[in-house]
């Protein structure tokens, strides 16, 4: 006997649960960007974001399973066998225990549609709509191919409050049913879809109702290991078209840049002789390599693309895209922090100052931290003028949120300065190259200052270094925060939360007890941490302090 599903994707456990679920699930479908008519192999349409429903339709006595695609702003009816659904890298997120238990799958991070991060990421939002079937419909997973497990279940944090378990609908694990009953009452069902591995899945659904039946196969590409544009739809039986490889012209003679696109990084003040050098440390405490900033290219991969949520007006309008590097480490993304722990406290008089002097690129760059009490502390924000600066105590090591407003190539110029114990003022200036998104091959980008003629510096003419970003970081009241890694999300979740904003008073330091020590207002992520930060206390504002700023601006030459 198959379970009858209630509204909003779970068994009814009371009015309070139903209302709470409706609020959360409704939030997941607020933004429907759509992928237009991007085509996959065989002419299929790739659906990679926006709202869609799998809808059984009774037409002239025949039952047909179709997809109502609303991702492009209008509703288009599509056959599942002519669609490739893409759960991109941004859908990789923390797997809550109730979901893993209900689906008999892993508690490790998994790829989820309509999961914890639905309100924060650009991804498909697949639902089920039984209102056109003439009554209740039985949905069966009648066939499956894929590199990992697949399952669908309902789960929201509110279910924990009333001790209600997650409700499984379909899954490939032996303990999970292969069918469920879709009510014909017109309410949209929006369960979480979970995939445990990257690759191509083929989900065959059979729908039965009103004395009729239909079977369709939906192709789903999970992650970024496979290009969805090269995947055949349906069961994959259609012959793939052949196209000649593109003519890329003569091989480049320019030396390839060292591209870093994953893992731990420190933008560090490092003692070299009697001087201070600004260098980048790639790797962990156990295995690492030092780089000159003008010899590397940092790649912010497409999975960093998120939705701006309420309370982040300084980043743009709610629902718009931003490329977000969170305060905790996420596999597949770079994790840049700041470090002074190459110095000892006895070597430095006061603190080390990091100044973002200029940004060239297609949009604003922001560096900030989020507090457990619902605030954002801006340390640098090119959207309202530069330079901006902040201080770190010695020795210390801290991570912050980084955001980029658009795809493209960025050049960020930093000056790192301090006063040595003997009173000598030292500083170092260098430019880091970043590639955001997948529109540019990072291996083709010249490191350092580069040579893009159209890149516009954001330094304010005549401005002097300041410890406070000038201007628009306004306080925005918020209601219930959306699920996020920084405010209310589960361990390992990523993305913007809903918090008010306060301007930085100029320092980003904390405990002088060394790398990973807590600041005066709480603990920040530290070297080697894997994405496991409890929601609501995931990120704490860096401690602010005093000290004069001495910026001896110069372009370094390597001795």
Protein backbone atom coordinates (compact mmCIF):
# COMPACT_ATOMS: atom_id res chain seq x y z
CA UNK A 1 0.00 0.00 0.00
CA UNK A 2 1.44 3.35 -1.01
CA UNK A 3 1.32 6.35 1.32
CA UNK A 4 -1.10 9.12 0.42
CA UNK A 5 0.76 12.42 0.28
CA UNK A 6 -0.53 15.51 1.98
CA UNK A 7 -0.22 19.08 0.83
CA UNK A 8 3.24 20.60 0.54
CA UNK A 9 4.85 17.17 0.37
CA UNK A 10 4.38 15.34 3.67
CA UNK A 11 1.91 13.41 5.74
CA UNK A 12 -0.38 15.69 7.72
CA UNK A 13 0.76 16.07 11.31
CA UNK A 14 -1.39 19.01 12.33
CA UNK A 15 -2.35 22.51 11.24
CA UNK A 16 0.77 24.15 12.62
CA UNK A 17 3.02 21.85 10.64
CA UNK A 18 1.06 22.41 7.45
CA UNK A 19 1.27 26.19 7.78
CA UNK A 20 4.99 26.14 8.58
CA UNK A 21 5.68 23.86 5.63
CA UNK A 22 3.72 26.07 3.26
CA UNK A 23 5.75 29.10 4.26
CA UNK A 24 9.09 27.39 3.78
CA UNK A 25 8.21 25.59 0.56
CA UNK A 26 6.65 28.71 -0.89
CA UNK A 27 9.89 30.61 -0.31
CA UNK A 28 11.76 28.09 -2.42
CA UNK A 29 9.84 29.12 -5.53
CA UNK A 30 10.01 32.90 -5.30
CA UNK A 31 12.58 33.35 -8.06
CA UNK A 32 12.11 31.68 -11.41
CA UNK A 33 14.89 32.76 -13.69
CA UNK A 34 14.69 29.99 -16.28
CA UNK A 35 17.22 28.74 -18.76
CA UNK A 36 15.41 29.80 -21.91
CA UNK A 37 15.95 27.42 -24.81
CA UNK A 38 19.45 26.14 -24.07
CA UNK A 39 19.78 22.97 -26.12
CA UNK A 40 21.31 19.62 -25.32
CA UNK A 41 22.28 16.81 -27.66
CA UNK A 42 19.42 15.65 -29.86
CA UNK A 43 17.67 19.03 -29.56
CA UNK A 44 16.60 18.61 -25.93
CA UNK A 45 16.03 21.65 -23.72
CA UNK A 46 18.30 22.02 -20.68
CA UNK A 47 16.40 23.17 -17.59
CA UNK A 48 18.90 24.46 -15.05
CA UNK A 49 16.88 26.92 -12.97
CA UNK A 50 13.38 28.05 -12.18
CA UNK A 51 10.04 26.52 -11.29
CA UNK A 52 8.66 23.45 -13.08
CA UNK A 53 6.04 20.76 -12.38
CA UNK A 54 5.76 17.16 -13.45
CA UNK A 55 2.05 17.05 -14.26
CA UNK A 56 -0.02 13.98 -15.17
CA UNK A 57 -2.69 15.14 -17.67
CA UNK A 58 -5.85 13.31 -18.67
CA UNK A 59 -6.37 14.11 -22.39
CA UNK A 60 -9.20 12.36 -24.31
CA UNK A 61 -9.11 9.45 -21.88
CA UNK A 62 -5.34 9.05 -22.12
CA UNK A 63 -2.99 9.93 -19.24
CA UNK A 64 0.13 11.87 -20.22
CA UNK A 65 3.03 12.86 -17.97
CA UNK A 66 4.28 16.30 -19.00
CA UNK A 67 6.49 19.06 -17.59
CA UNK A 68 5.04 22.53 -17.03
CA UNK A 69 8.15 24.69 -17.36
CA UNK A 70 7.71 28.15 -15.84
CA UNK A 71 11.43 28.93 -15.63
CA UNK A 72 11.38 31.44 -18.49
CA UNK A 73 8.58 33.59 -17.08
CA UNK A 74 5.85 31.90 -19.13
CA UNK A 75 4.49 28.35 -18.87
CA UNK A 76 5.67 25.92 -21.56
CA UNK A 77 4.49 22.30 -21.70
CA UNK A 78 7.34 19.87 -22.47
CA UNK A 79 7.71 16.11 -22.76
CA UNK A 80 10.09 14.68 -20.12
CA UNK A 81 11.84 12.65 -22.82
CA UNK A 82 12.80 15.92 -24.56
CA UNK A 83 14.27 17.60 -21.47
CA UNK A 84 17.61 17.41 -19.63
CA UNK A 85 17.30 18.58 -16.00
CA UNK A 86 20.55 20.00 -14.60
CA UNK A 87 21.25 19.96 -10.86
CA UNK A 88 24.41 22.06 -11.03
CA UNK A 89 27.30 22.28 -8.56
CA UNK A 90 25.47 24.88 -6.43
CA UNK A 91 23.00 22.18 -5.40
CA UNK A 92 25.67 20.33 -3.40
CA UNK A 93 24.74 20.93 0.25
CA UNK A 94 24.59 19.47 3.73
CA UNK A 95 22.44 16.35 4.13
CA UNK A 96 20.32 16.58 7.27
CA UNK A 97 19.98 13.36 9.25
CA UNK A 98 16.17 13.04 8.86
CA UNK A 99 16.49 13.22 5.06
CA UNK A 100 19.26 10.62 5.00
CA UNK A 101 17.28 8.37 7.34
CA UNK A 102 14.09 8.64 5.30
CA UNK A 103 15.85 7.86 2.02
CA UNK A 104 18.31 5.30 3.39
CA UNK A 105 21.23 7.27 1.98
CA UNK A 106 24.39 9.05 3.08
CA UNK A 107 24.70 11.76 5.70
CA UNK A 108 27.53 13.27 3.68
CA UNK A 109 26.90 16.30 1.46
CA UNK A 110 24.61 15.49 -1.45
CA UNK A 111 23.11 17.25 -4.46
CA UNK A 112 19.61 18.45 -3.61
CA UNK A 113 16.81 20.19 -5.48
CA UNK A 114 14.32 22.00 -3.20
CA UNK A 115 16.73 21.38 -0.33
CA UNK A 116 18.06 23.63 2.42
CA UNK A 117 19.52 26.11 -0.03
CA UNK A 118 16.59 26.41 -2.45
CA UNK A 119 15.97 30.06 -1.57
CA UNK A 120 19.63 30.98 -2.03
CA UNK A 121 20.73 29.22 -5.21
CA UNK A 122 19.88 29.21 -8.90
CA UNK A 123 18.66 25.70 -9.63
CA UNK A 124 15.61 23.85 -10.93
CA UNK A 125 12.66 23.73 -8.53
CA UNK A 126 10.77 20.58 -9.62
CA UNK A 127 7.35 19.93 -8.15
CA UNK A 128 4.43 17.60 -8.81
CA UNK A 129 0.92 18.76 -9.73
CA UNK A 130 -1.96 16.28 -9.71
CA UNK A 131 -4.79 18.71 -10.47
CA UNK A 132 -5.06 17.79 -14.17
CA UNK A 133 -5.28 14.02 -13.76
CA UNK A 134 -8.97 13.81 -12.89
CA UNK A 135 -8.26 12.40 -9.43
CA UNK A 136 -5.48 10.87 -7.39
CA UNK A 137 -2.53 9.45 -9.36
CA UNK A 138 -0.07 6.72 -8.47
CA UNK A 139 3.52 7.73 -9.31
CA UNK A 140 6.01 4.86 -9.62
CA UNK A 141 9.76 4.93 -10.14
CA UNK A 142 9.64 2.10 -12.66
CA UNK A 143 13.20 2.40 -13.95
CA UNK A 144 16.50 3.88 -12.83
CA UNK A 145 20.06 4.40 -14.06
CA UNK A 146 22.67 6.48 -12.30
CA UNK A 147 26.05 6.65 -10.55
CA UNK A 148 24.54 6.99 -7.06
CA UNK A 149 21.31 6.80 -5.11
CA UNK A 150 18.25 8.91 -5.87
CA UNK A 151 15.34 9.72 -3.60
CA UNK A 152 12.51 12.17 -2.94
CA UNK A 153 11.27 13.08 0.52
CA UNK A 154 9.67 15.94 2.43
CA UNK A 155 11.60 17.56 5.23
CA UNK A 156 11.64 21.02 6.85
CA UNK A 157 13.18 22.21 10.13
CA UNK A 158 9.64 22.73 11.48
CA UNK A 159 9.13 18.98 11.34
CA UNK A 160 11.81 18.60 14.00
CA UNK A 161 9.85 20.92 16.29
CA UNK A 162 6.93 18.50 16.39
CA UNK A 163 9.07 15.36 16.22
CA UNK A 164 7.74 14.52 12.75
CA UNK A 165 10.10 12.40 10.64
CA UNK A 166 10.87 13.17 7.02
CA UNK A 167 8.41 11.43 4.68
CA UNK A 168 9.95 9.38 1.84
CA UNK A 169 8.09 9.23 -1.49
CA UNK A 170 10.44 7.49 -3.90
CA UNK A 171 13.97 6.16 -3.75
CA UNK A 172 16.46 3.61 -4.97
CA UNK A 173 17.45 2.34 -1.53
CA UNK A 174 15.85 -0.97 -0.54
CA UNK A 175 14.10 0.58 2.47
CA UNK A 176 12.34 3.29 0.43
CA UNK A 177 9.03 2.86 -1.44
CA UNK A 178 9.06 2.94 -5.22
CA UNK A 179 5.67 4.64 -5.52
CA UNK A 180 3.42 7.22 -3.87
CA UNK A 181 -0.05 8.67 -4.37
CA UNK A 182 -0.23 12.18 -5.79
CA UNK A 183 -3.44 13.92 -4.64
CA UNK A 184 -5.63 15.45 -7.30
CA UNK A 185 -6.66 18.36 -5.04
CA UNK A 186 -4.70 21.03 -6.89
CA UNK A 187 -2.04 21.61 -4.24
CA UNK A 188 1.52 21.61 -5.54
CA UNK A 189 3.85 18.99 -4.04
CA UNK A 190 7.43 20.21 -3.62
CA UNK A 191 9.65 17.48 -2.13
CA UNK A 192 13.42 17.48 -1.87
CA UNK A 193 15.14 15.53 -4.65
CA UNK A 194 18.45 14.00 -3.50
CA UNK A 195 21.32 12.58 -5.56
CA UNK A 196 24.37 11.09 -3.85
CA UNK A 197 26.91 11.27 -6.70
CA UNK A 198 27.73 13.38 -9.75
CA UNK A 199 26.89 12.14 -13.21
CA UNK A 200 23.95 11.31 -15.48
CA UNK A 201 20.76 9.82 -14.04
CA UNK A 202 17.78 8.49 -15.98
CA UNK A 203 14.57 8.38 -13.93
CA UNK A 204 11.67 6.47 -15.46
CA UNK A 205 8.30 7.42 -13.99
CA UNK A 206 5.03 5.56 -14.59
CA UNK A 207 1.82 7.40 -13.74
CA UNK A 208 -1.52 5.57 -13.29
CA UNK A 209 -4.95 7.04 -12.72
CA UNK A 210 -8.49 7.20 -14.12
CA UNK A 211 -7.96 3.78 -15.75
CA UNK A 212 -5.00 4.99 -17.82
CA UNK A 213 -1.21 5.04 -17.56
CA UNK A 214 1.88 6.64 -19.10
CA UNK A 215 5.62 6.07 -18.77
CA UNK A 216 8.31 8.71 -19.38
CA UNK A 217 12.07 8.87 -18.73
CA UNK A 218 13.68 12.07 -17.45
CA UNK A 219 17.43 12.63 -17.86
CA UNK A 220 19.10 14.48 -14.98
CA UNK A 221 22.70 15.72 -15.01
CA UNK A 222 24.09 16.20 -11.49
CA UNK A 223 27.17 18.31 -10.70
CA UNK A 224 29.64 19.72 -13.20
CA UNK A 225 31.57 16.63 -14.27
CA UNK A 226 29.29 16.22 -17.30
CA UNK A 227 28.20 18.96 -19.71
CA UNK A 228 24.37 18.78 -19.81
CA UNK A 229 24.50 20.13 -23.36
CA UNK A 230 26.13 16.90 -24.50
CA UNK A 231 23.66 14.54 -22.84
CA UNK A 232 20.91 12.79 -24.77
CA UNK A 233 17.43 13.16 -23.22
CA UNK A 234 15.08 10.42 -22.12
CA UNK A 235 16.54 6.94 -22.09
CA UNK A 236 19.51 8.05 -24.19
CA UNK A 237 18.62 5.90 -27.17
CA UNK A 238 18.61 8.72 -29.73
CA UNK A 239 21.76 8.82 -31.85
CA UNK A 240 23.99 11.70 -30.87
CA UNK A 241 24.73 14.29 -33.57
CA UNK A 242 28.33 14.56 -34.60
CA UNK A 243 30.04 17.94 -34.79
CA UNK A 244 33.65 18.68 -35.72
CA UNK A 245 35.87 20.03 -32.93
CA UNK A 246 36.11 23.83 -32.92
CA UNK A 247 39.09 25.47 -34.54
CA UNK A 248 41.01 26.97 -31.66
CA UNK A 249 43.74 28.42 -33.87
CA UNK A 250 47.48 28.10 -33.29
CA UNK A 251 48.63 27.06 -29.81
CA UNK A 252 49.33 29.91 -27.42
CA UNK A 253 52.95 30.75 -26.70
CA UNK A 254 52.12 32.59 -23.48
CA UNK A 255 53.16 30.77 -20.29
CA UNK A 256 50.24 29.12 -18.53
CA UNK A 257 49.18 30.73 -15.28
CA UNK A 258 49.05 28.73 -12.07
CA UNK A 259 45.27 28.49 -11.57
CA UNK A 260 43.88 27.76 -8.10
CA UNK A 261 40.20 26.77 -8.14
CA UNK A 262 39.68 24.79 -4.94
CA UNK A 263 40.84 24.59 -1.36
CA UNK A 264 42.35 26.66 1.40
CA UNK A 265 44.21 29.92 0.72
CA UNK A 266 45.73 32.58 2.96
CA UNK A 267 46.42 36.14 1.84
CA UNK A 268 49.31 36.53 4.20
CA UNK A 269 51.77 39.00 5.65
CA UNK A 270 55.05 37.09 5.63
CA UNK A 271 58.47 38.10 7.02
CA UNK A 272 61.23 37.91 4.43
CA UNK A 273 64.54 39.18 5.81
CA UNK A 274 63.85 42.51 7.48
CA UNK A 275 60.84 43.21 5.27
CA UNK A 276 57.18 42.28 5.02
CA UNK A 277 55.98 40.45 1.92
CA UNK A 278 52.41 39.97 0.76
CA UNK A 279 52.17 36.36 -0.43
CA UNK A 280 49.50 33.70 -0.93
CA UNK A 281 49.67 30.38 0.88
CA UNK A 282 47.95 27.51 -0.94
CA UNK A 283 47.08 24.43 1.10
CA UNK A 284 46.79 23.38 4.71
CA UNK A 285 49.20 23.55 7.63
CA UNK A 286 50.47 20.08 6.75
CA UNK A 287 50.93 20.58 2.98
CA UNK A 288 51.22 24.01 1.41
CA UNK A 289 52.99 26.15 -1.17
CA UNK A 290 53.76 29.87 -1.22
CA UNK A 291 52.99 32.00 -4.28
CA UNK A 292 53.62 35.56 -5.37
CA UNK A 293 50.20 37.22 -5.93
CA UNK A 294 51.17 38.28 -9.44
CA UNK A 295 52.03 34.70 -10.45
CA UNK A 296 48.62 33.05 -9.85
CA UNK A 297 45.01 33.24 -11.04
CA UNK A 298 42.19 32.46 -8.58
CA UNK A 299 39.10 30.86 -10.12
CA UNK A 300 35.70 31.35 -8.49
CA UNK A 301 33.79 28.49 -10.11
CA UNK A 302 30.15 28.69 -11.25
CA UNK A 303 28.88 26.83 -8.18
CA UNK A 304 29.56 30.01 -6.15
CA UNK A 305 26.58 31.70 -7.87
CA UNK A 306 23.84 32.44 -5.31
CA UNK A 307 20.72 34.52 -4.92
CA UNK A 308 20.96 37.75 -2.95
CA UNK A 309 18.51 37.54 -0.05
CA UNK A 310 16.79 40.28 1.92
CA UNK A 311 19.11 42.25 4.18
CA UNK A 312 22.00 42.44 1.69
CA UNK A 313 21.08 45.63 -0.16
CA UNK A 314 24.76 46.58 -0.48
CA UNK A 315 25.20 43.55 -2.78
CA UNK A 316 22.20 44.33 -5.00
CA UNK A 317 18.52 43.59 -5.31
CA UNK A 318 17.07 40.53 -3.61
CA UNK A 319 16.87 37.65 -6.08
CA UNK A 320 19.74 38.91 -8.26
CA UNK A 321 22.86 36.82 -8.69
CA UNK A 322 26.07 37.17 -6.72
CA UNK A 323 29.15 34.92 -6.64
CA UNK A 324 29.61 34.06 -2.96
CA UNK A 325 32.62 32.45 -1.25
CA UNK A 326 31.38 31.53 2.25
CA UNK A 327 33.23 31.83 5.54
CA UNK A 328 33.50 28.06 5.87
CA UNK A 329 35.28 25.70 3.49
CA UNK A 330 33.20 24.14 0.72
CA UNK A 331 34.72 21.47 -1.49
CA UNK A 332 34.93 22.69 -5.06
CA UNK A 333 35.44 26.36 -4.14
CA UNK A 334 38.47 28.35 -3.13
CA UNK A 335 38.49 29.39 0.53
CA UNK A 336 40.52 32.62 0.82
CA UNK A 337 41.39 33.93 4.26
CA UNK A 338 43.81 36.43 5.78
CA UNK A 339 46.82 35.57 7.90
CA UNK A 340 49.48 37.22 10.03
CA UNK A 341 50.58 34.02 11.74
CA UNK A 342 53.93 33.95 9.97
CA UNK A 343 54.96 36.70 12.38
CA UNK A 344 55.25 36.44 16.15
CA UNK A 345 53.74 39.03 18.44
CA UNK A 346 57.21 40.23 19.47
CA UNK A 347 58.13 41.07 15.85
CA UNK A 348 55.30 43.53 15.21
CA UNK A 349 54.44 46.73 17.04
CA UNK A 350 50.64 46.79 16.96
CA UNK A 351 48.65 45.16 14.19
CA UNK A 352 48.96 44.37 10.48
CA UNK A 353 46.80 46.40 8.09
CA UNK A 354 45.28 44.98 4.91
CA UNK A 355 44.11 47.65 2.46
CA UNK A 356 42.07 46.94 -0.65
CA UNK A 357 43.36 49.81 -2.79
CA UNK A 358 41.67 49.16 -6.12
CA UNK A 359 39.44 46.73 -8.01
CA UNK A 360 39.25 46.39 -11.77
CA UNK A 361 36.51 44.20 -13.15
CA UNK A 362 32.87 43.91 -14.20
CA UNK A 363 31.37 44.47 -10.75
CA UNK A 364 31.87 45.20 -7.08
CA UNK A 365 33.97 43.08 -4.72
CA UNK A 366 32.94 42.83 -1.07
CA UNK A 367 34.71 41.34 1.95
CA UNK A 368 32.66 40.98 5.14
CA UNK A 369 31.73 38.82 8.09
CA UNK A 370 28.35 37.89 9.54
CA UNK A 371 27.60 38.00 13.23
CA UNK A 372 25.61 35.56 15.31
CA UNK A 373 23.42 38.44 16.54
CA UNK A 374 22.20 39.28 13.01
CA UNK A 375 24.63 41.81 11.59
CA UNK A 376 27.08 42.15 8.73
CA UNK A 377 30.44 43.83 9.25
CA UNK A 378 31.89 45.22 6.02
CA UNK A 379 35.67 45.22 5.83
CA UNK A 380 36.06 46.19 2.17
CA UNK A 381 33.46 47.06 -0.45
CA UNK A 382 34.47 48.45 -3.81
CA UNK A 383 30.88 49.42 -4.61
CA UNK A 384 31.11 52.63 -2.57
CA UNK A 385 34.70 53.65 -3.22
CA UNK A 386 38.18 52.54 -2.25
CA UNK A 387 40.59 52.18 -0.53
CA UNK A 388 39.13 50.32 2.45
CA UNK A 389 41.30 48.79 5.16
CA UNK A 390 41.10 46.54 8.18
CA UNK A 391 43.55 45.28 10.81
CA UNK A 392 44.56 41.87 12.12
CA UNK A 393 46.36 41.17 15.37
CA UNK A 394 49.57 39.10 15.36
CA UNK A 395 49.60 36.16 15.09
CA UNK A 396 46.13 35.39 13.77
CA UNK A 397 44.29 33.72 10.91
CA UNK A 398 40.75 34.57 9.86
CA UNK A 399 38.30 33.81 7.05
CA UNK A 400 35.62 36.11 5.70
CA UNK A 401 32.87 36.06 3.11
CA UNK A 402 33.94 37.25 -0.37
CA UNK A 403 31.41 38.26 -3.01
CA UNK A 404 31.67 39.28 -6.66
CA UNK A 405 28.80 41.04 -8.38
CA UNK A 406 29.25 39.64 -11.90
CA UNK A 407 31.12 37.09 -13.97
CA UNK A 408 34.43 38.05 -15.54
CA UNK A 409 38.05 38.90 -14.78
CA UNK A 410 38.87 40.94 -11.67
CA UNK A 411 42.11 42.53 -10.48
CA UNK A 412 42.30 43.32 -6.76
CA UNK A 413 45.22 45.41 -5.53
CA UNK A 414 46.13 45.00 -1.86
CA UNK A 415 48.65 46.78 0.31
CA UNK A 416 49.73 44.97 3.48
CA UNK A 417 51.57 47.11 6.04
CA UNK A 418 52.85 47.05 9.62
CA UNK A 419 55.36 48.53 12.00
CA UNK A 420 58.17 46.25 13.12
CA UNK A 421 59.17 46.04 16.77
CA UNK A 422 62.11 48.40 16.12
CA UNK A 423 59.80 51.07 14.68
CA UNK A 424 60.47 50.38 11.00
CA UNK A 425 57.41 50.81 8.83
CA UNK A 426 57.13 48.07 6.20
CA UNK A 427 54.59 47.38 3.48
CA UNK A 428 54.06 45.47 0.28
CA UNK A 429 51.62 45.99 -2.62
CA UNK A 430 50.56 43.46 -5.22
CA UNK A 431 47.62 42.61 -7.49
CA UNK A 432 45.68 39.35 -7.53
CA UNK A 433 43.83 38.14 -10.64
CA UNK A 434 40.47 36.40 -10.25
CA UNK A 435 38.23 34.72 -12.81
CA UNK A 436 34.59 34.53 -11.72
CA UNK A 437 32.26 32.06 -13.43
CA UNK A 438 32.90 30.01 -16.54
CA UNK A 439 32.78 32.68 -19.22
CA UNK A 440 36.58 32.97 -19.32
CA UNK A 441 39.16 30.18 -19.32
CA UNK A 442 41.31 31.04 -16.27
CA UNK A 443 44.37 29.39 -17.86
CA UNK A 444 44.34 32.12 -20.54
CA UNK A 445 44.30 35.03 -18.07
CA UNK A 446 47.50 36.95 -17.41
CA UNK A 447 48.20 36.97 -13.66
CA UNK A 448 48.72 40.10 -11.63
CA UNK A 449 47.80 43.50 -13.04
CA UNK A 450 47.03 42.06 -16.49
CA UNK A 451 46.41 44.05 -19.61
CA UNK A 452 42.62 44.39 -20.03
CA UNK A 453 42.06 47.82 -21.63
CA UNK A 454 38.40 48.03 -20.57
CA UNK A 455 38.80 47.17 -16.91
CA UNK A 456 37.81 50.19 -14.83
CA UNK A 457 39.50 50.84 -11.47
CA UNK A 458 37.09 51.52 -8.64
CA UNK A 459 39.55 53.53 -6.55
CA UNK A 460 38.03 56.87 -5.62
CA UNK A 461 40.24 59.67 -7.02
CA UNK A 462 42.01 61.54 -4.27
CA UNK A 463 40.79 59.17 -1.58
CA UNK A 464 42.97 58.29 1.35
CA UNK A 465 43.06 54.97 3.16
CA UNK A 466 40.24 54.69 5.62
CA UNK A 467 39.37 52.06 8.14
CA UNK A 468 35.65 52.41 7.44
CA UNK A 469 33.94 51.76 4.07
CA UNK A 470 32.27 54.98 3.01
CA UNK A 471 28.68 54.91 2.97
CA UNK A 472 25.92 52.64 1.95
CA UNK A 473 26.06 49.78 4.42
CA UNK A 474 22.65 50.53 5.84
CA UNK A 475 20.87 48.60 8.53
CA UNK A 476 17.96 46.58 7.13
CA UNK A 477 15.45 45.00 9.50
CA UNK A 478 14.60 41.42 8.70
CA UNK A 479 11.97 38.89 9.58
CA UNK A 480 12.53 35.17 9.70
CA UNK A 481 15.86 34.45 8.05
CA UNK A 482 16.07 32.15 5.06
CA UNK A 483 18.02 28.91 5.53
CA UNK A 484 21.71 29.71 5.09
CA UNK A 485 25.11 28.72 6.26
CA UNK A 486 25.75 32.04 7.88
CA UNK A 487 22.59 32.64 9.78
CA UNK A 488 20.08 29.83 10.07
CA UNK A 489 21.34 26.97 7.96
CA UNK A 490 22.49 23.53 8.98
CA UNK A 491 26.14 22.53 9.30
CA UNK A 492 27.78 22.75 5.91
CA UNK A 493 25.09 24.84 4.27
CA UNK A 494 26.30 27.77 2.21
CA UNK A 495 24.97 31.10 1.05
CA UNK A 496 23.59 34.44 2.14
CA UNK A 497 21.31 34.64 5.12
CA UNK A 498 18.96 37.42 6.14
CA UNK A 499 20.76 39.83 8.41
CA UNK A 500 21.07 43.58 8.89
CA UNK A 501 24.24 45.37 7.86
CA UNK A 502 26.57 47.51 9.91
CA UNK A 503 29.64 49.38 8.73
CA UNK A 504 33.04 48.13 9.82
CA UNK A 505 35.08 50.20 12.19
CA UNK A 506 38.13 49.02 10.43
CA UNK A 507 39.74 46.00 11.97
CA UNK A 508 39.42 42.31 11.37
CA UNK A 509 41.33 40.60 14.04
CA UNK A 510 40.79 38.86 17.26
CA UNK A 511 42.64 36.56 19.52
CA UNK A 512 46.38 36.92 19.39
CA UNK A 513 46.67 33.35 20.48
CA UNK A 514 47.40 32.18 16.97
CA UNK A 515 45.74 30.57 14.02
CA UNK A 516 42.16 29.59 14.54
CA UNK A 517 41.77 31.31 17.93
CA UNK A 518 38.46 32.93 18.79
CA UNK A 519 37.86 36.63 18.44
CA UNK A 520 36.36 38.64 21.26
CA UNK A 521 32.89 38.15 19.80
CA UNK A 522 33.14 34.47 18.92
CA UNK A 523 34.96 31.92 16.82
CA UNK A 524 35.57 32.13 13.09
CA UNK A 525 36.42 29.36 10.67
CA UNK A 526 40.06 28.27 10.84
CA UNK A 527 42.56 26.39 8.74
CA UNK A 528 41.61 22.82 7.98
CA UNK A 529 37.92 23.14 8.93
CA UNK A 530 35.62 21.20 6.66
CA UNK A 531 32.16 22.63 6.06
CA UNK A 532 30.69 21.98 9.50
CA UNK A 533 29.47 25.21 11.07
CA UNK A 534 26.30 25.33 13.16
CA UNK A 535 23.64 27.65 11.71
CA UNK A 536 23.27 30.92 13.54
CA UNK A 537 26.84 30.87 14.84
CA UNK A 538 28.59 29.94 11.61
CA UNK A 539 30.33 33.28 11.20
CA UNK A 540 31.11 35.94 13.75
CA UNK A 541 32.24 39.48 13.07
CA UNK A 542 35.96 39.98 13.28
CA UNK A 543 37.22 41.88 16.33
CA UNK A 544 37.87 45.55 15.70
CA UNK A 545 40.80 47.44 17.07
CA UNK A 546 42.92 50.53 16.78
CA UNK A 547 46.35 51.38 15.59
CA UNK A 548 47.69 53.86 13.05
CA UNK A 549 47.80 52.89 9.38
CA UNK A 550 51.02 53.47 7.45
CA UNK A 551 50.80 52.69 3.72
CA UNK A 552 54.12 52.98 1.92
CA UNK A 553 52.80 52.46 -1.58
CA UNK A 554 55.21 50.83 -3.99
CA UNK A 555 55.27 48.19 -6.67
CA UNK A 556 57.30 45.26 -5.47
CA UNK A 557 60.12 43.86 -7.48
CA UNK A 558 61.23 40.37 -6.61
CA UNK A 559 64.82 40.35 -5.37
